[in-house]
N, C-alpha and C. Protein backbone atom coordinates (compact mmCIF):
# COMPACT_ATOMS: atom_id res chain seq x y z
N MET A 1 42.31 -15.44 -14.11
CA MET A 1 41.96 -15.01 -15.74
C MET A 1 40.87 -15.71 -15.92
N CYS A 2 40.71 -16.98 -15.62
CA CYS A 2 39.70 -17.69 -15.91
C CYS A 2 38.37 -17.47 -15.00
N LYS A 3 38.41 -16.73 -13.89
CA LYS A 3 37.14 -16.40 -13.17
C LYS A 3 36.48 -15.22 -13.87
N TRP A 4 37.51 -14.35 -13.91
CA TRP A 4 37.39 -13.25 -14.94
C TRP A 4 36.57 -13.49 -16.27
N ARG A 5 37.11 -14.40 -16.73
CA ARG A 5 36.11 -14.92 -18.03
C ARG A 5 34.63 -15.45 -17.74
N GLN A 6 34.50 -15.91 -16.34
CA GLN A 6 33.47 -16.64 -15.91
C GLN A 6 32.31 -15.56 -15.76
N ARG A 7 32.74 -14.90 -14.76
CA ARG A 7 32.35 -13.52 -14.36
C ARG A 7 31.99 -13.19 -15.50
N ARG A 8 32.21 -12.75 -16.32
CA ARG A 8 31.77 -11.67 -17.63
C ARG A 8 31.22 -12.49 -18.61
N GLY A 9 31.25 -13.63 -18.77
CA GLY A 9 30.34 -14.69 -19.16
C GLY A 9 28.97 -14.61 -18.74
N LEU A 10 28.73 -14.59 -17.12
CA LEU A 10 27.35 -14.67 -16.55
C LEU A 10 26.97 -13.24 -16.60
N LEU A 11 27.99 -12.18 -16.78
CA LEU A 11 27.02 -10.79 -16.57
C LEU A 11 26.44 -10.38 -17.93
N ALA A 12 27.30 -10.81 -19.07
CA ALA A 12 26.68 -11.24 -20.98
C ALA A 12 25.35 -11.91 -20.65
N VAL A 13 25.55 -13.18 -19.91
CA VAL A 13 24.39 -13.79 -20.17
C VAL A 13 22.71 -13.32 -19.31
N ALA A 14 23.03 -12.58 -18.07
CA ALA A 14 21.97 -11.96 -17.39
C ALA A 14 21.82 -10.58 -18.06
N ALA A 15 22.58 -9.84 -18.74
CA ALA A 15 22.24 -8.65 -19.73
C ALA A 15 21.52 -9.00 -20.68
N ALA A 16 21.82 -10.31 -21.62
CA ALA A 16 21.00 -10.72 -23.00
C ALA A 16 19.67 -11.36 -22.31
N LEU A 17 19.40 -11.56 -21.37
CA LEU A 17 18.22 -12.14 -20.44
C LEU A 17 17.14 -11.04 -19.95
N ALA A 18 17.86 -10.17 -19.66
CA ALA A 18 16.98 -8.60 -19.19
C ALA A 18 16.35 -8.08 -20.67
N LEU A 19 17.55 -8.09 -21.53
CA LEU A 19 16.84 -7.29 -22.82
C LEU A 19 15.62 -8.11 -23.60
N SER A 20 15.84 -9.52 -23.08
CA SER A 20 14.65 -10.15 -23.97
C SER A 20 13.64 -10.44 -23.25
N ALA A 21 13.75 -10.19 -22.11
CA ALA A 21 12.55 -10.21 -21.12
C ALA A 21 11.34 -9.47 -21.62
N PRO A 22 10.19 -9.99 -21.22
CA PRO A 22 8.81 -8.83 -21.70
C PRO A 22 8.47 -7.54 -20.88
N GLN A 23 8.86 -6.45 -21.47
CA GLN A 23 8.56 -5.57 -20.46
C GLN A 23 7.34 -5.24 -19.94
N ILE A 24 6.89 -4.97 -18.77
CA ILE A 24 5.67 -4.83 -18.05
C ILE A 24 5.96 -3.37 -17.97
N SER A 25 4.57 -2.53 -18.01
CA SER A 25 4.33 -1.13 -18.56
C SER A 25 4.05 -0.98 -16.93
N ALA A 26 4.82 0.57 -16.34
CA ALA A 26 4.89 0.52 -15.02
C ALA A 26 3.50 1.20 -14.72
N ALA A 27 3.02 2.03 -16.35
CA ALA A 27 1.98 2.93 -15.76
C ALA A 27 0.57 2.32 -15.77
N ALA A 28 0.65 0.88 -16.22
CA ALA A 28 -0.77 0.33 -16.02
C ALA A 28 -1.23 0.37 -14.61
N GLU A 29 -2.38 0.84 -14.80
CA GLU A 29 -3.24 0.90 -13.59
C GLU A 29 -4.65 0.25 -13.53
N THR A 30 -5.07 0.14 -12.27
CA THR A 30 -6.69 -0.27 -12.67
C THR A 30 -7.60 0.62 -11.66
N MET A 31 -8.62 1.42 -12.51
CA MET A 31 -9.71 2.25 -11.54
C MET A 31 -10.94 1.81 -11.83
N THR A 32 -11.71 1.89 -10.76
CA THR A 32 -13.28 1.41 -10.60
C THR A 32 -13.99 2.72 -10.90
N GLY A 33 -14.86 2.88 -11.76
CA GLY A 33 -15.94 4.15 -11.82
C GLY A 33 -17.26 3.68 -12.85
N CYS A 34 -17.53 5.14 -13.33
CA CYS A 34 -18.80 4.74 -14.38
C CYS A 34 -18.58 5.04 -15.98
N LEU A 35 -18.90 4.45 -16.18
CA LEU A 35 -18.75 4.03 -17.61
C LEU A 35 -19.88 4.48 -18.48
N GLU A 36 -19.48 5.70 -19.40
CA GLU A 36 -20.96 6.60 -19.66
C GLU A 36 -20.82 6.59 -21.37
N LYS A 37 -21.54 6.61 -21.96
CA LYS A 37 -21.61 6.95 -23.43
C LYS A 37 -21.76 8.82 -23.85
N ALA A 38 -20.57 8.84 -24.45
CA ALA A 38 -20.54 10.04 -24.58
C ALA A 38 -20.51 10.52 -26.03
N ASP A 39 -20.64 11.87 -26.27
CA ASP A 39 -21.05 12.66 -27.43
C ASP A 39 -20.18 11.91 -28.89
N ARG A 40 -18.74 11.65 -28.53
CA ARG A 40 -17.52 10.82 -28.99
C ARG A 40 -17.24 9.85 -28.40
N GLY A 41 -17.83 8.71 -28.55
CA GLY A 41 -17.05 7.45 -27.80
C GLY A 41 -17.40 7.39 -26.05
N PHE A 42 -16.78 7.07 -25.40
CA PHE A 42 -17.19 6.86 -24.14
C PHE A 42 -16.17 7.41 -23.07
N ALA A 43 -16.74 7.50 -21.76
CA ALA A 43 -16.58 8.15 -20.77
C ALA A 43 -16.24 7.41 -19.37
N PHE A 44 -15.37 7.86 -18.57
CA PHE A 44 -15.20 7.20 -17.74
C PHE A 44 -15.16 8.01 -16.29
N ASN A 45 -15.79 7.86 -15.40
CA ASN A 45 -15.57 8.67 -14.05
C ASN A 45 -15.34 7.68 -12.89
N ALA A 46 -13.69 8.33 -13.19
CA ALA A 46 -13.29 7.30 -11.39
C ALA A 46 -12.43 8.47 -10.79
N SER A 47 -12.31 8.14 -9.41
CA SER A 47 -11.14 9.14 -8.95
C SER A 47 -11.21 10.67 -9.04
N GLY A 48 -12.42 10.98 -9.22
CA GLY A 48 -12.78 12.56 -9.27
C GLY A 48 -12.11 12.91 -10.95
N LYS A 49 -12.23 12.08 -11.52
CA LYS A 49 -11.46 12.42 -12.89
C LYS A 49 -12.71 11.82 -13.86
N ARG A 50 -12.38 12.78 -15.03
CA ARG A 50 -13.59 12.13 -16.35
C ARG A 50 -12.46 11.91 -17.50
N LEU A 51 -12.19 10.63 -17.83
CA LEU A 51 -11.57 10.40 -18.90
C LEU A 51 -12.11 9.64 -20.18
N THR A 52 -11.76 10.15 -21.17
CA THR A 52 -12.26 9.25 -22.63
C THR A 52 -11.36 8.26 -22.55
N VAL A 53 -12.41 7.07 -23.01
CA VAL A 53 -12.15 5.87 -22.83
C VAL A 53 -11.83 5.30 -24.40
N THR A 54 -10.49 4.62 -24.60
CA THR A 54 -10.57 4.08 -25.66
C THR A 54 -9.88 2.37 -25.02
N GLY A 55 -9.89 1.43 -26.52
CA GLY A 55 -9.44 0.21 -26.23
C GLY A 55 -10.05 -1.11 -26.71
N ASP A 56 -9.48 -2.30 -26.62
CA ASP A 56 -9.94 -3.23 -27.76
C ASP A 56 -11.04 -4.00 -26.31
N VAL A 57 -11.95 -3.75 -25.82
CA VAL A 57 -12.55 -4.12 -24.55
C VAL A 57 -14.26 -3.84 -25.09
N GLU A 58 -15.20 -4.55 -24.37
CA GLU A 58 -16.51 -4.28 -25.08
C GLU A 58 -17.10 -3.13 -24.09
N LEU A 59 -16.65 -1.79 -24.70
CA LEU A 59 -17.50 -0.77 -23.84
C LEU A 59 -18.89 -0.36 -24.15
N GLU A 60 -19.32 -0.29 -25.43
CA GLU A 60 -20.48 -0.39 -25.57
C GLU A 60 -21.66 -1.56 -24.72
N LYS A 61 -21.56 -2.81 -24.54
CA LYS A 61 -22.04 -3.21 -23.81
C LYS A 61 -22.36 -3.02 -22.08
N HIS A 62 -21.41 -2.25 -21.92
CA HIS A 62 -21.13 -1.68 -20.24
C HIS A 62 -21.11 -0.27 -19.90
N ALA A 63 -21.52 0.29 -20.89
CA ALA A 63 -22.40 1.89 -20.98
C ALA A 63 -23.24 1.80 -19.70
N GLY A 64 -23.08 2.67 -18.80
CA GLY A 64 -24.40 3.09 -17.83
C GLY A 64 -23.76 2.07 -16.26
N HIS A 65 -22.95 0.90 -16.55
CA HIS A 65 -22.16 0.54 -15.72
C HIS A 65 -21.32 0.98 -14.65
N THR A 66 -20.90 0.55 -13.46
CA THR A 66 -19.78 0.34 -12.66
C THR A 66 -18.94 -0.71 -13.31
N VAL A 67 -17.74 -0.20 -13.63
CA VAL A 67 -16.74 -1.35 -13.90
C VAL A 67 -15.05 -0.83 -13.52
N LYS A 68 -14.54 -1.86 -13.59
CA LYS A 68 -13.19 -1.67 -13.06
C LYS A 68 -12.52 -2.34 -14.52
N LEU A 69 -11.77 -0.92 -15.08
CA LEU A 69 -10.77 -0.95 -16.16
C LEU A 69 -9.14 -1.00 -15.65
N THR A 70 -8.39 -1.79 -16.55
CA THR A 70 -7.24 -1.72 -16.26
C THR A 70 -6.52 -1.29 -17.70
N GLY A 71 -5.64 -0.30 -17.64
CA GLY A 71 -5.22 0.14 -18.91
C GLY A 71 -3.79 1.38 -18.37
N GLU A 72 -3.86 1.98 -19.52
CA GLU A 72 -3.21 3.30 -19.07
C GLU A 72 -3.69 4.66 -19.29
N GLU A 73 -3.66 5.30 -18.30
CA GLU A 73 -3.89 6.78 -18.52
C GLU A 73 -2.87 7.70 -18.86
N SER A 74 -3.49 8.56 -20.12
CA SER A 74 -2.52 9.69 -20.41
C SER A 74 -3.44 10.74 -20.98
N GLY A 75 -3.05 11.92 -19.99
CA GLY A 75 -3.75 13.22 -20.09
C GLY A 75 -5.13 12.83 -19.57
N ASN A 76 -6.01 13.16 -20.49
CA ASN A 76 -7.66 13.04 -20.33
C ASN A 76 -8.28 12.06 -20.71
N SER A 77 -7.12 10.83 -21.37
CA SER A 77 -7.70 9.87 -21.77
C SER A 77 -7.03 8.70 -20.85
N PHE A 78 -7.98 7.05 -21.13
CA PHE A 78 -7.63 6.08 -20.38
C PHE A 78 -7.70 4.99 -21.56
N ARG A 79 -6.55 4.14 -22.28
CA ARG A 79 -6.75 3.28 -22.87
C ARG A 79 -6.73 1.67 -22.18
N ALA A 80 -8.26 1.25 -22.29
CA ALA A 80 -8.18 0.18 -21.59
C ALA A 80 -8.01 -1.07 -22.13
N THR A 81 -7.07 -2.25 -21.25
CA THR A 81 -6.75 -3.44 -21.88
C THR A 81 -7.56 -4.55 -21.42
N ALA A 82 -8.24 -4.34 -20.23
CA ALA A 82 -9.18 -4.79 -19.69
C ALA A 82 -10.16 -4.61 -18.69
N LEU A 83 -11.26 -5.15 -19.31
CA LEU A 83 -12.73 -4.86 -18.31
C LEU A 83 -13.30 -5.60 -17.60
N GLU A 84 -13.75 -5.38 -16.10
CA GLU A 84 -14.48 -6.12 -15.41
C GLU A 84 -15.92 -5.58 -14.92
N HIS A 85 -16.80 -6.49 -15.27
CA HIS A 85 -18.45 -5.82 -14.69
C HIS A 85 -18.52 -5.61 -13.27
N VAL A 86 -18.99 -4.90 -12.39
CA VAL A 86 -19.08 -4.48 -11.12
C VAL A 86 -20.37 -4.22 -10.83
N SER A 87 -20.88 -3.76 -11.50
CA SER A 87 -22.95 -3.60 -11.22
C SER A 87 -23.54 -2.45 -12.20
N PRO A 88 -24.41 -3.28 -12.22
CA PRO A 88 -25.44 -3.00 -13.31
C PRO A 88 -26.07 -1.20 -13.48
N THR A 89 -25.11 -0.72 -12.19
CA THR A 89 -25.67 1.09 -12.19
C THR A 89 -24.27 1.56 -11.80
N CYS A 90 -24.49 3.04 -11.96
CA CYS A 90 -23.14 3.46 -11.70
C CYS A 90 -23.15 4.27 -10.44
N ASP A 91 -24.06 3.94 -9.36
CA ASP A 91 -24.39 4.10 -7.70
C ASP A 91 -23.68 3.07 -7.16
N GLY A 92 -23.34 1.86 -7.74
CA GLY A 92 -22.79 0.77 -6.96
C GLY A 92 -23.92 -0.21 -6.52
N SER A 93 -25.50 0.13 -6.82
CA SER A 93 -26.36 -0.80 -6.33
C SER A 93 -26.81 -1.53 -7.07
N PRO A 94 -27.51 -2.46 -6.84
CA PRO A 94 -27.86 -3.59 -7.79
C PRO A 94 -29.10 -3.57 -8.50
N SER A 95 -29.74 -2.16 -7.99
CA SER A 95 -30.83 -1.47 -8.86
C SER A 95 -30.47 -1.60 -10.33
N SER A 96 -31.63 -1.69 -11.32
CA SER A 96 -31.23 -1.22 -12.71
C SER A 96 -31.90 -0.35 -13.36
N SER A 97 -32.47 0.54 -12.10
CA SER A 97 -33.34 1.65 -12.29
C SER A 97 -32.08 3.03 -13.17
N THR A 98 -32.66 3.25 -14.36
CA THR A 98 -32.30 4.66 -15.16
C THR A 98 -32.30 5.58 -14.28
N ALA A 99 -33.20 5.99 -13.49
CA ALA A 99 -32.93 7.38 -12.72
C ALA A 99 -31.95 7.25 -11.72
N ALA A 100 -31.79 6.02 -10.99
CA ALA A 100 -31.03 5.98 -9.94
C ALA A 100 -29.45 6.14 -10.62
N ALA A 101 -29.35 5.53 -12.08
CA ALA A 101 -28.12 5.43 -12.41
C ALA A 101 -27.52 6.76 -13.11
N ASN A 102 -28.42 7.90 -12.95
CA ASN A 102 -28.21 9.30 -13.46
C ASN A 102 -28.16 10.36 -12.13
N GLN A 103 -28.39 10.03 -10.99
CA GLN A 103 -28.39 10.36 -10.28
C GLN A 103 -26.71 10.60 -9.59
N PRO A 104 -26.50 12.21 -9.06
CA PRO A 104 -24.72 12.11 -8.55
C PRO A 104 -24.61 11.47 -7.61
N THR A 105 -23.20 10.67 -7.47
CA THR A 105 -22.79 9.70 -6.35
C THR A 105 -21.52 10.47 -6.31
N ALA A 106 -20.96 10.06 -5.05
CA ALA A 106 -19.79 10.69 -4.70
C ALA A 106 -18.30 10.90 -5.63
N SER A 107 -18.56 10.15 -6.60
CA SER A 107 -17.59 10.23 -7.69
C SER A 107 -17.87 11.61 -8.82
N ASP A 108 -19.16 12.19 -8.45
CA ASP A 108 -19.60 13.26 -9.23
C ASP A 108 -19.04 14.48 -8.69
N GLN A 109 -18.68 14.56 -7.49
CA GLN A 109 -18.23 16.01 -6.68
C GLN A 109 -17.15 16.59 -7.32
N GLY A 110 -17.73 17.84 -7.39
CA GLY A 110 -17.21 18.82 -8.10
C GLY A 110 -15.19 19.41 -7.55
N ASN A 111 -14.74 19.39 -8.28
CA ASN A 111 -13.49 20.08 -7.96
C ASN A 111 -13.09 21.21 -7.70
N SER A 112 -14.04 22.02 -7.83
CA SER A 112 -13.55 23.46 -7.68
C SER A 112 -13.85 23.65 -5.82
N GLU A 113 -12.74 24.87 -5.53
CA GLU A 113 -12.44 24.93 -4.43
C GLU A 113 -13.74 24.76 -3.39
N ALA A 114 -14.60 25.99 -4.19
CA ALA A 114 -15.82 25.99 -3.46
C ALA A 114 -16.91 24.98 -3.38
N ASP A 115 -16.65 24.18 -4.28
CA ASP A 115 -17.66 22.73 -4.00
C ASP A 115 -16.99 21.92 -3.15
N ILE A 116 -15.80 21.96 -3.12
CA ILE A 116 -15.05 21.08 -1.77
C ILE A 116 -15.73 21.67 -0.73
N GLU A 117 -15.26 22.98 -0.41
CA GLU A 117 -15.22 23.79 0.81
C GLU A 117 -16.76 23.49 1.39
N THR A 118 -17.47 23.68 0.40
CA THR A 118 -19.37 23.50 0.59
C THR A 118 -19.22 21.79 1.24
N THR A 119 -19.17 21.03 0.54
CA THR A 119 -18.99 19.44 1.01
C THR A 119 -18.23 19.55 2.29
N ALA A 120 -17.26 19.94 2.61
CA ALA A 120 -17.07 19.82 3.89
C ALA A 120 -17.18 20.53 4.82
N LYS A 121 -17.82 21.52 4.59
CA LYS A 121 -18.45 22.50 5.62
C LYS A 121 -19.89 21.73 6.20
N ILE A 122 -20.64 21.11 5.19
CA ILE A 122 -21.77 20.54 5.58
C ILE A 122 -21.63 18.84 6.70
N ARG A 123 -20.30 18.20 5.99
CA ARG A 123 -19.77 17.14 6.39
C ARG A 123 -19.64 17.25 8.13
N ARG A 124 -18.77 18.67 8.13
CA ARG A 124 -18.58 18.82 9.73
C ARG A 124 -19.42 19.06 10.32
N ALA A 125 -20.51 19.83 9.86
CA ALA A 125 -22.01 20.19 10.56
C ALA A 125 -22.34 18.74 10.97
N ILE A 126 -22.75 17.88 10.23
CA ILE A 126 -23.42 16.97 10.24
C ILE A 126 -22.75 15.76 11.71
N VAL A 127 -21.22 15.51 11.29
CA VAL A 127 -20.44 14.93 12.23
C VAL A 127 -20.47 15.33 13.17
N GLU A 128 -20.49 16.67 13.82
CA GLU A 128 -20.52 17.60 15.03
C GLU A 128 -21.78 17.07 15.95
N ASP A 129 -22.72 17.14 15.10
CA ASP A 129 -24.19 16.51 15.82
C ASP A 129 -24.21 15.11 16.33
N ASP A 130 -23.84 15.21 17.65
CA ASP A 130 -23.97 13.80 18.67
C ASP A 130 -25.19 13.46 18.31
N ASN A 131 -26.25 14.20 18.23
CA ASN A 131 -27.73 13.63 18.28
C ASN A 131 -28.11 12.59 17.23
N LEU A 132 -27.39 13.00 15.91
CA LEU A 132 -27.67 11.91 15.07
C LEU A 132 -26.68 10.57 14.90
N SER A 133 -27.79 9.70 14.33
CA SER A 133 -26.86 8.59 14.10
C SER A 133 -25.92 8.70 13.17
N VAL A 134 -25.26 7.13 13.18
CA VAL A 134 -24.33 6.85 12.72
C VAL A 134 -24.26 6.98 11.15
N ALA A 135 -25.71 6.45 10.91
CA ALA A 135 -26.14 6.49 9.13
C ALA A 135 -26.36 7.75 8.92
N ALA A 136 -26.62 8.82 9.60
CA ALA A 136 -26.68 10.08 9.31
C ALA A 136 -25.22 10.40 9.16
N HIS A 137 -24.40 10.41 9.99
CA HIS A 137 -23.15 10.49 10.06
C HIS A 137 -22.42 10.64 8.50
N ASN A 138 -22.73 9.23 7.78
CA ASN A 138 -22.12 8.60 6.54
C ASN A 138 -22.96 8.86 5.45
N VAL A 139 -23.88 9.75 5.51
CA VAL A 139 -24.46 10.07 4.12
C VAL A 139 -24.06 10.70 2.99
N THR A 140 -24.21 10.47 1.98
CA THR A 140 -23.53 11.08 0.47
C THR A 140 -23.56 12.39 0.84
N ILE A 141 -22.71 13.24 0.26
CA ILE A 141 -23.00 14.65 0.39
C ILE A 141 -22.22 14.54 -1.04
N VAL A 142 -22.71 15.45 -2.18
CA VAL A 142 -22.07 15.65 -3.18
C VAL A 142 -22.18 17.07 -4.16
N THR A 143 -21.29 17.84 -3.80
CA THR A 143 -21.67 19.17 -4.40
C THR A 143 -20.91 19.35 -5.74
N ARG A 144 -21.65 19.94 -6.52
CA ARG A 144 -21.04 20.46 -7.97
C ARG A 144 -21.88 21.51 -8.91
N ASP A 145 -20.97 22.22 -8.75
CA ASP A 145 -21.43 23.89 -9.65
C ASP A 145 -22.43 24.42 -8.22
N GLY A 146 -22.16 24.36 -7.14
CA GLY A 146 -22.98 24.58 -6.15
C GLY A 146 -24.10 24.21 -5.57
N LYS A 147 -24.47 23.02 -6.36
CA LYS A 147 -25.63 22.35 -6.02
C LYS A 147 -25.35 21.45 -5.21
N VAL A 148 -25.93 21.00 -4.01
CA VAL A 148 -25.68 19.94 -3.18
C VAL A 148 -26.89 18.78 -3.40
N THR A 149 -26.35 17.71 -3.26
CA THR A 149 -27.16 16.60 -3.29
C THR A 149 -26.88 15.74 -2.04
N LEU A 150 -28.14 15.38 -1.33
CA LEU A 150 -27.78 14.45 -0.41
C LEU A 150 -28.65 12.79 -0.46
N ARG A 151 -27.21 12.17 -0.63
CA ARG A 151 -27.92 10.39 -0.66
C ARG A 151 -27.59 9.62 0.28
N GLY A 152 -28.98 8.68 0.48
CA GLY A 152 -28.36 8.05 1.58
C GLY A 152 -29.45 6.98 2.29
N GLU A 153 -29.37 6.44 3.51
CA GLU A 153 -30.33 5.92 4.07
C GLU A 153 -30.14 6.65 5.79
N VAL A 154 -31.16 6.89 6.48
CA VAL A 154 -31.35 7.51 7.68
C VAL A 154 -32.32 6.51 8.35
N PRO A 155 -32.43 6.53 9.70
CA PRO A 155 -33.53 5.74 10.45
C PRO A 155 -34.76 6.37 10.92
N SER A 156 -35.03 7.97 10.31
CA SER A 156 -35.96 8.32 10.63
C SER A 156 -36.30 9.82 10.13
N MET A 157 -37.52 10.23 9.82
CA MET A 157 -37.68 11.60 9.02
C MET A 157 -37.38 12.58 9.89
N GLN A 158 -37.15 12.67 11.66
CA GLN A 158 -36.45 13.62 12.00
C GLN A 158 -34.85 14.15 11.57
N GLU A 159 -34.07 12.36 11.36
CA GLU A 159 -33.19 12.40 11.06
C GLU A 159 -32.56 13.45 9.59
N LYS A 160 -33.78 12.99 8.49
CA LYS A 160 -33.62 13.25 7.42
C LYS A 160 -33.63 14.74 7.52
N SER A 161 -34.71 15.41 8.04
CA SER A 161 -35.04 16.80 8.35
C SER A 161 -33.52 17.49 8.82
N ALA A 162 -33.40 16.93 9.68
CA ALA A 162 -31.82 17.55 10.63
C ALA A 162 -30.89 17.54 9.08
N VAL A 163 -30.80 16.51 8.69
CA VAL A 163 -29.23 16.69 7.78
C VAL A 163 -29.77 17.85 6.88
N ALA A 164 -30.69 17.84 6.20
CA ALA A 164 -31.05 18.48 5.10
C ALA A 164 -31.01 20.15 6.00
N ALA A 165 -31.51 20.50 6.78
CA ALA A 165 -31.46 21.59 7.68
C ALA A 165 -29.78 22.29 7.64
N LYS A 166 -29.36 21.15 8.08
CA LYS A 166 -27.79 21.37 7.93
C LYS A 166 -27.08 21.99 6.79
N ALA A 167 -27.61 21.07 5.68
CA ALA A 167 -26.75 21.53 4.39
C ALA A 167 -27.54 22.80 3.84
N GLU A 168 -28.87 23.04 4.38
CA GLU A 168 -29.05 24.19 3.76
C GLU A 168 -28.68 25.65 4.59
N THR A 169 -28.31 25.26 5.92
CA THR A 169 -27.55 26.13 6.64
C THR A 169 -26.28 26.70 5.83
N VAL A 170 -25.22 25.87 4.99
CA VAL A 170 -24.14 26.34 4.54
C VAL A 170 -24.68 26.90 2.98
N ALA A 171 -25.88 25.83 2.42
CA ALA A 171 -25.51 26.30 0.87
C ALA A 171 -26.96 26.49 0.24
N GLY A 172 -27.79 26.86 1.35
CA GLY A 172 -28.97 27.67 1.04
C GLY A 172 -30.01 26.56 0.28
N SER A 173 -30.67 27.22 -0.98
CA SER A 173 -31.99 26.61 -1.09
C SER A 173 -31.39 25.55 -2.27
N ALA A 174 -30.14 25.13 -2.63
CA ALA A 174 -29.62 24.70 -3.55
C ALA A 174 -28.98 23.08 -3.27
N VAL A 175 -30.06 22.67 -2.46
CA VAL A 175 -29.83 21.73 -1.88
C VAL A 175 -31.09 20.69 -2.37
N ASP A 176 -30.36 19.21 -3.01
CA ASP A 176 -31.60 18.20 -3.23
C ASP A 176 -31.32 17.16 -2.19
N ASN A 177 -32.33 17.04 -1.37
CA ASN A 177 -32.37 16.10 -0.41
C ASN A 177 -32.92 14.60 -1.04
N GLN A 178 -32.31 13.93 -1.33
CA GLN A 178 -32.76 12.52 -1.80
C GLN A 178 -32.52 11.44 -0.91
N LEU A 179 -31.84 11.84 0.52
CA LEU A 179 -32.43 11.17 1.81
C LEU A 179 -33.58 10.05 1.50
N THR A 180 -33.62 8.98 2.36
CA THR A 180 -34.59 7.79 2.33
C THR A 180 -34.76 7.49 3.87
N VAL A 181 -36.00 6.96 4.00
CA VAL A 181 -35.94 6.51 5.76
C VAL A 181 -36.05 5.38 5.68
N LYS A 182 -35.35 4.64 6.53
CA LYS A 182 -35.27 2.95 6.87
C LYS A 182 -36.60 2.64 7.69
N THR A 183 -37.39 1.91 6.88
CA THR A 183 -38.43 1.40 7.34
C THR A 183 -38.53 0.37 8.87
N ASP A 184 -37.56 -0.41 8.46
CA ASP A 184 -37.10 -1.75 9.56
C ASP A 184 -35.85 -1.23 10.25
N SER A 185 -35.20 0.05 10.80
CA SER A 185 -34.21 0.20 11.39
C SER A 185 -34.04 0.00 12.65
N LYS A 186 -32.62 -1.01 12.99
CA LYS A 186 -32.46 -1.30 14.14
C LYS A 186 -31.80 -0.06 14.65
N GLU A 187 -31.37 0.58 13.87
CA GLU A 187 -30.79 2.10 14.36
C GLU A 187 -31.33 3.19 14.63
N SER A 188 -32.65 3.10 15.09
CA SER A 188 -33.35 4.01 15.10
C SER A 188 -32.83 5.18 16.26
N THR A 189 -32.27 4.87 17.05
CA THR A 189 -32.21 5.24 18.30
C THR A 189 -30.61 6.18 17.96
N PRO A 190 -30.77 7.67 18.39
CA PRO A 190 -29.25 8.63 18.11
C PRO A 190 -27.97 7.81 18.86
N LYS A 191 -26.72 8.17 18.22
CA LYS A 191 -25.82 7.48 18.73
C LYS A 191 -25.27 8.15 19.87
N LYS A 192 -25.01 7.09 21.19
CA LYS A 192 -24.55 7.50 22.42
C LYS A 192 -23.46 7.35 22.35
N GLU A 193 -22.75 8.50 23.71
CA GLU A 193 -21.43 7.86 23.55
C GLU A 193 -21.37 7.45 25.14
């Protein structure tokens, strides 16, 4: 009988401790993306989503920057509890150019079936070409509302033209070729097998 009372007493103590312990929200998550000033407040582009941001963090100071937000997502909004600065621009580069910050990045990829299919077809055409370098195979392709943007650095003008031609074969004239040519490239030779 004594052991039963001890066991029951221990269970009561454990239950009381569990109830008094601070509850950690299972919904808390961390996302990295572009924080922008919007018509009404702030928007956050991350993981292919555009969310309205609220919270007790310094949003104004970090607008136009890549940030890491921690908080809770609910529908189309994100309540931020912590903010960490990642980059002064939204494309991840250290440049502070406003023009660069306004250019499409991979997170701007459209979610429509047509946009996703266009990007996939272009990527497949580029990767299947063994004459292109690894750098060309890894360019950023963003399709949004049927418009394709190519970004990244390739080792030669020939590769810049070849990648653009493959994109135009899929998307027609709706291609914005923003590829740059690396001037001091050590990877100027095509990929060999």
